[in-house]
Amino acid sequence: MTKMSLGSHPYLLGFEQLERLMERTAKSENNGYPPFNIEQTSANSYRITLAVAGFAEDDLSITVEDRQLVIRGRQSEEDDGRVFLHRGIAARQFQRSFVLAEGVEVNGAALENGLLHVDLSRAEPEKVVQTIEINRS
């Protein structure tokens, strides 16, 4: 029995990118930190919320790289001479990636009460019917 990939099926033309996208998503690190929510706020808009308690705006960076939303956090290592008897609050760096579909764009971000909100929207697709003329030879 031959294994057929999504991109090689004869009725699915041009879906090679979808197959690469699925492979890239499967390989992405999923360690659970920081926790996040994804909600649909309207028919064409979404909000990603990450719990980033202890991170300041300057500690966070949000970029879009090759249709991939990348959120990074890195806290400065300031001890100020403090001696911890117990350190249970995570102060580690993180990177979270979300693959964006074609037409989805980042509208903005806000940090509020230890939660980072990233708002996304999808442009309305144009509904076009195209008629193809047959050339006569």
C-alpha atoms as a PDB file:
ATOM      1  CA  MET A   1       0.000   0.000   0.000  1.00  0.00           C
ATOM      2  CA  THR A   2       1.426   3.368  -1.022  1.00  0.00           C
ATOM      3  CA  LYS A   3       1.132   6.298   1.351  1.00  0.00           C
ATOM      4  CA  MET A   4      -0.278   9.317  -0.462  1.00  0.00           C
ATOM      5  CA  SER A   5       0.477  12.737   0.921  1.00  0.00           C
ATOM      6  CA  LEU A   6      -1.969  15.623   0.788  1.00  0.00           C
ATOM      7  CA  GLY A   7       0.104  17.499  -1.765  1.00  0.00           C
ATOM      8  CA  SER A   8       0.325  14.547  -4.144  1.00  0.00           C
ATOM      9  CA  HIS A   9      -3.401  13.761  -4.396  1.00  0.00           C
ATOM     10  CA  PRO A  10      -4.473  14.351  -8.025  1.00  0.00           C
ATOM     11  CA  TYR A  11      -7.566  16.430  -7.134  1.00  0.00           C
ATOM     12  CA  LEU A  12      -5.781  18.754  -4.687  1.00  0.00           C
ATOM     13  CA  LEU A  13      -3.702  21.095  -6.813  1.00  0.00           C
ATOM     14  CA  GLY A  14      -1.466  23.671  -5.127  1.00  0.00           C
ATOM     15  CA  PHE A  15      -1.914  22.403  -1.556  1.00  0.00           C
ATOM     16  CA  GLU A  16       1.766  21.673  -0.983  1.00  0.00           C
ATOM     17  CA  GLN A  17       1.987  24.719   1.312  1.00  0.00           C
ATOM     18  CA  LEU A  18      -0.792  23.294   3.484  1.00  0.00           C
ATOM     19  CA  GLU A  19       1.175  20.092   3.935  1.00  0.00           C
ATOM     20  CA  ARG A  20       4.323  22.038   4.898  1.00  0.00           C
ATOM     21  CA  LEU A  21       2.218  24.130   7.291  1.00  0.00           C
ATOM     22  CA  MET A  22       0.899  21.009   9.005  1.00  0.00           C
ATOM     23  CA  GLU A  23       4.445  19.637   9.369  1.00  0.00           C
ATOM     24  CA  ARG A  24       5.727  22.937  10.788  1.00  0.00           C
ATOM     25  CA  THR A  25       2.859  23.107  13.287  1.00  0.00           C
ATOM     26  CA  ALA A  26       3.449  19.525  14.418  1.00  0.00           C
ATOM     27  CA  LYS A  27       7.134  20.265  15.048  1.00  0.00           C
ATOM     28  CA  SER A  28       6.531  23.438  17.070  1.00  0.00           C
ATOM     29  CA  GLU A  29       7.368  23.234  20.760  1.00  0.00           C
ATOM     30  CA  ASN A  30       4.342  22.838  23.007  1.00  0.00           C
ATOM     31  CA  ASN A  31       5.516  23.144  26.603  1.00  0.00           C
ATOM     32  CA  GLY A  32       2.411  24.866  27.982  1.00  0.00           C
ATOM     33  CA  TYR A  33       4.133  28.067  29.139  1.00  0.00           C
ATOM     34  CA  PRO A  34       2.731  30.624  29.177  1.00  0.00           C
ATOM     35  CA  PRO A  35      -0.885  29.496  29.151  1.00  0.00           C
ATOM     36  CA  PHE A  36      -3.091  31.127  26.529  1.00  0.00           C
ATOM     37  CA  ASN A  37      -6.653  31.419  25.223  1.00  0.00           C
ATOM     38  CA  ILE A  38      -7.846  31.883  21.663  1.00  0.00           C
ATOM     39  CA  GLU A  39     -11.309  33.319  21.225  1.00  0.00           C
ATOM     40  CA  GLN A  40     -13.390  34.322  18.248  1.00  0.00           C
ATOM     41  CA  THR A  41     -14.639  37.850  18.914  1.00  0.00           C
ATOM     42  CA  SER A  42     -16.731  38.186  15.729  1.00  0.00           C
ATOM     43  CA  ALA A  43     -17.239  36.383  12.430  1.00  0.00           C
ATOM     44  CA  ASN A  44     -13.869  37.642  11.127  1.00  0.00           C
ATOM     45  CA  SER A  45     -11.846  38.546  14.214  1.00  0.00           C
ATOM     46  CA  TYR A  46      -9.947  36.681  16.913  1.00  0.00           C
ATOM     47  CA  ARG A  47      -8.112  37.416  20.141  1.00  0.00           C
ATOM     48  CA  ILE A  48      -5.154  35.539  21.569  1.00  0.00           C
ATOM     49  CA  THR A  49      -4.635  36.125  25.287  1.00  0.00           C
ATOM     50  CA  LEU A  50      -1.445  35.022  27.049  1.00  0.00           C
ATOM     51  CA  ALA A  51      -0.948  35.013  30.827  1.00  0.00           C
ATOM     52  CA  VAL A  52       2.324  36.944  31.195  1.00  0.00           C
ATOM     53  CA  ALA A  53       2.260  38.000  34.852  1.00  0.00           C
ATOM     54  CA  GLY A  54       5.498  39.701  35.851  1.00  0.00           C
ATOM     55  CA  PHE A  55       6.434  40.742  32.308  1.00  0.00           C
ATOM     56  CA  ALA A  56       6.567  44.428  31.411  1.00  0.00           C
ATOM     57  CA  GLU A  57       5.883  45.783  27.916  1.00  0.00           C
ATOM     58  CA  ASP A  58       9.642  46.112  27.324  1.00  0.00           C
ATOM     59  CA  ASP A  59      10.094  42.410  28.162  1.00  0.00           C
ATOM     60  CA  LEU A  60       7.748  41.302  25.360  1.00  0.00           C
ATOM     61  CA  SER A  61       8.114  41.312  21.577  1.00  0.00           C
ATOM     62  CA  ILE A  62       5.503  40.460  18.954  1.00  0.00           C
ATOM     63  CA  THR A  63       6.513  39.824  15.342  1.00  0.00           C
ATOM     64  CA  VAL A  64       5.011  38.273  12.227  1.00  0.00           C
ATOM     65  CA  GLU A  65       7.546  36.152  10.359  1.00  0.00           C
ATOM     66  CA  ASP A  66       6.463  34.293   7.205  1.00  0.00           C
ATOM     67  CA  ARG A  67       2.754  34.231   8.185  1.00  0.00           C
ATOM     68  CA  GLN A  68       3.686  33.076  11.684  1.00  0.00           C
ATOM     69  CA  LEU A  69       2.853  35.205  14.727  1.00  0.00           C
ATOM     70  CA  VAL A  70       5.741  34.913  17.195  1.00  0.00           C
ATOM     71  CA  ILE A  71       5.411  36.222  20.761  1.00  0.00           C
ATOM     72  CA  ARG A  72       8.580  36.267  22.860  1.00  0.00           C
ATOM     73  CA  GLY A  73       9.118  37.170  26.487  1.00  0.00           C
ATOM     74  CA  ARG A  74      12.403  37.737  28.296  1.00  0.00           C
ATOM     75  CA  GLN A  75      12.639  39.230  31.772  1.00  0.00           C
ATOM     76  CA  SER A  76      15.758  40.996  32.922  1.00  0.00           C
ATOM     77  CA  GLU A  77      17.806  39.190  35.552  1.00  0.00           C
ATOM     78  CA  GLU A  78      17.844  41.849  38.264  1.00  0.00           C
ATOM     79  CA  ASP A  79      18.428  40.370  41.713  1.00  0.00           C
ATOM     80  CA  ASP A  80      18.803  43.672  43.600  1.00  0.00           C
ATOM     81  CA  GLY A  81      20.607  41.736  46.333  1.00  0.00           C
ATOM     82  CA  ARG A  82      17.445  39.810  47.242  1.00  0.00           C
ATOM     83  CA  VAL A  83      17.769  36.404  48.859  1.00  0.00           C
ATOM     84  CA  PHE A  84      14.935  34.010  48.012  1.00  0.00           C
ATOM     85  CA  LEU A  85      13.996  31.317  50.498  1.00  0.00           C
ATOM     86  CA  HIS A  86      11.578  29.943  47.907  1.00  0.00           C
ATOM     87  CA  ARG A  87      11.221  31.020  44.290  1.00  0.00           C
ATOM     88  CA  GLY A  88       8.006  29.629  42.819  1.00  0.00           C
ATOM     89  CA  ILE A  89       7.174  32.439  40.400  1.00  0.00           C
ATOM     90  CA  ALA A  90       8.458  31.575  36.951  1.00  0.00           C
ATOM     91  CA  ALA A  91      10.750  34.203  35.483  1.00  0.00           C
ATOM     92  CA  ARG A  92      11.845  32.274  32.440  1.00  0.00           C
ATOM     93  CA  GLN A  93      11.883  33.343  28.845  1.00  0.00           C
ATOM     94  CA  PHE A  94       9.348  31.968  26.396  1.00  0.00           C
ATOM     95  CA  GLN A  95       8.398  31.885  22.746  1.00  0.00           C
ATOM     96  CA  ARG A  96       4.891  31.119  21.460  1.00  0.00           C
ATOM     97  CA  SER A  97       4.142  30.744  17.762  1.00  0.00           C
ATOM     98  CA  PHE A  98       0.811  30.781  15.948  1.00  0.00           C
ATOM     99  CA  VAL A  99       0.499  30.121  12.215  1.00  0.00           C
ATOM    100  CA  LEU A 100      -1.741  32.679  10.521  1.00  0.00           C
ATOM    101  CA  ALA A 101      -3.967  31.805   7.580  1.00  0.00           C
ATOM    102  CA  GLU A 102      -3.776  33.804   4.371  1.00  0.00           C
ATOM    103  CA  GLY A 103      -5.574  37.121   4.885  1.00  0.00           C
ATOM    104  CA  VAL A 104      -5.331  37.140   8.703  1.00  0.00           C
ATOM    105  CA  GLU A 105      -3.561  40.218  10.044  1.00  0.00           C
ATOM    106  CA  VAL A 106      -2.548  41.467  13.475  1.00  0.00           C
ATOM    107  CA  ASN A 107      -4.527  44.590  14.433  1.00  0.00           C
ATOM    108  CA  GLY A 108      -2.737  45.381  17.680  1.00  0.00           C
ATOM    109  CA  ALA A 109      -1.775  44.239  21.147  1.00  0.00           C
ATOM    110  CA  ALA A 110      -2.404  45.406  24.702  1.00  0.00           C
ATOM    111  CA  LEU A 111      -0.980  44.418  28.086  1.00  0.00           C
ATOM    112  CA  GLU A 112      -3.565  44.595  30.867  1.00  0.00           C
ATOM    113  CA  ASN A 113      -3.469  43.112  34.387  1.00  0.00           C
ATOM    114  CA  GLY A 114      -0.811  40.535  33.483  1.00  0.00           C
ATOM    115  CA  LEU A 115      -2.623  39.455  30.314  1.00  0.00           C
ATOM    116  CA  LEU A 116      -1.298  40.145  26.825  1.00  0.00           C
ATOM    117  CA  HIS A 117      -4.119  40.497  24.289  1.00  0.00           C
ATOM    118  CA  VAL A 118      -3.292  40.217  20.574  1.00  0.00           C
ATOM    119  CA  ASP A 119      -6.167  41.076  18.231  1.00  0.00           C
ATOM    120  CA  LEU A 120      -6.382  39.549  14.760  1.00  0.00           C
ATOM    121  CA  SER A 121      -8.797  39.983  11.873  1.00  0.00           C
ATOM    122  CA  ARG A 122      -9.479  38.268   8.597  1.00  0.00           C
ATOM    123  CA  ALA A 123     -10.233  40.312   5.505  1.00  0.00           C
ATOM    124  CA  GLU A 124     -13.526  39.518   3.810  1.00  0.00           C
ATOM    125  CA  PRO A 125     -12.829  37.220   0.873  1.00  0.00           C
ATOM    126  CA  GLU A 126     -13.935  38.517  -2.483  1.00  0.00           C
ATOM    127  CA  LYS A 127     -16.598  36.362  -4.067  1.00  0.00           C
ATOM    128  CA  VAL A 128     -15.711  36.339  -7.724  1.00  0.00           C
ATOM    129  CA  VAL A 129     -16.968  34.101 -10.472  1.00  0.00           C
ATOM    130  CA  GLN A 130     -14.489  33.861 -13.298  1.00  0.00           C
ATOM    131  CA  THR A 131     -15.466  32.736 -16.779  1.00  0.00           C
ATOM    132  CA  ILE A 132     -12.702  31.167 -18.836  1.00  0.00           C
ATOM    133  CA  GLU A 133     -12.885  31.585 -22.597  1.00  0.00           C
ATOM    134  CA  ILE A 134     -12.001  28.605 -24.746  1.00  0.00           C
ATOM    135  CA  ASN A 135      -9.485  29.461 -27.448  1.00  0.00           C
ATOM    136  CA  ARG A 136     -10.273  28.223 -30.935  1.00  0.00           C
ATOM    137  CA  SER A 137      -7.379  27.081 -33.052  1.00  0.00           C
END
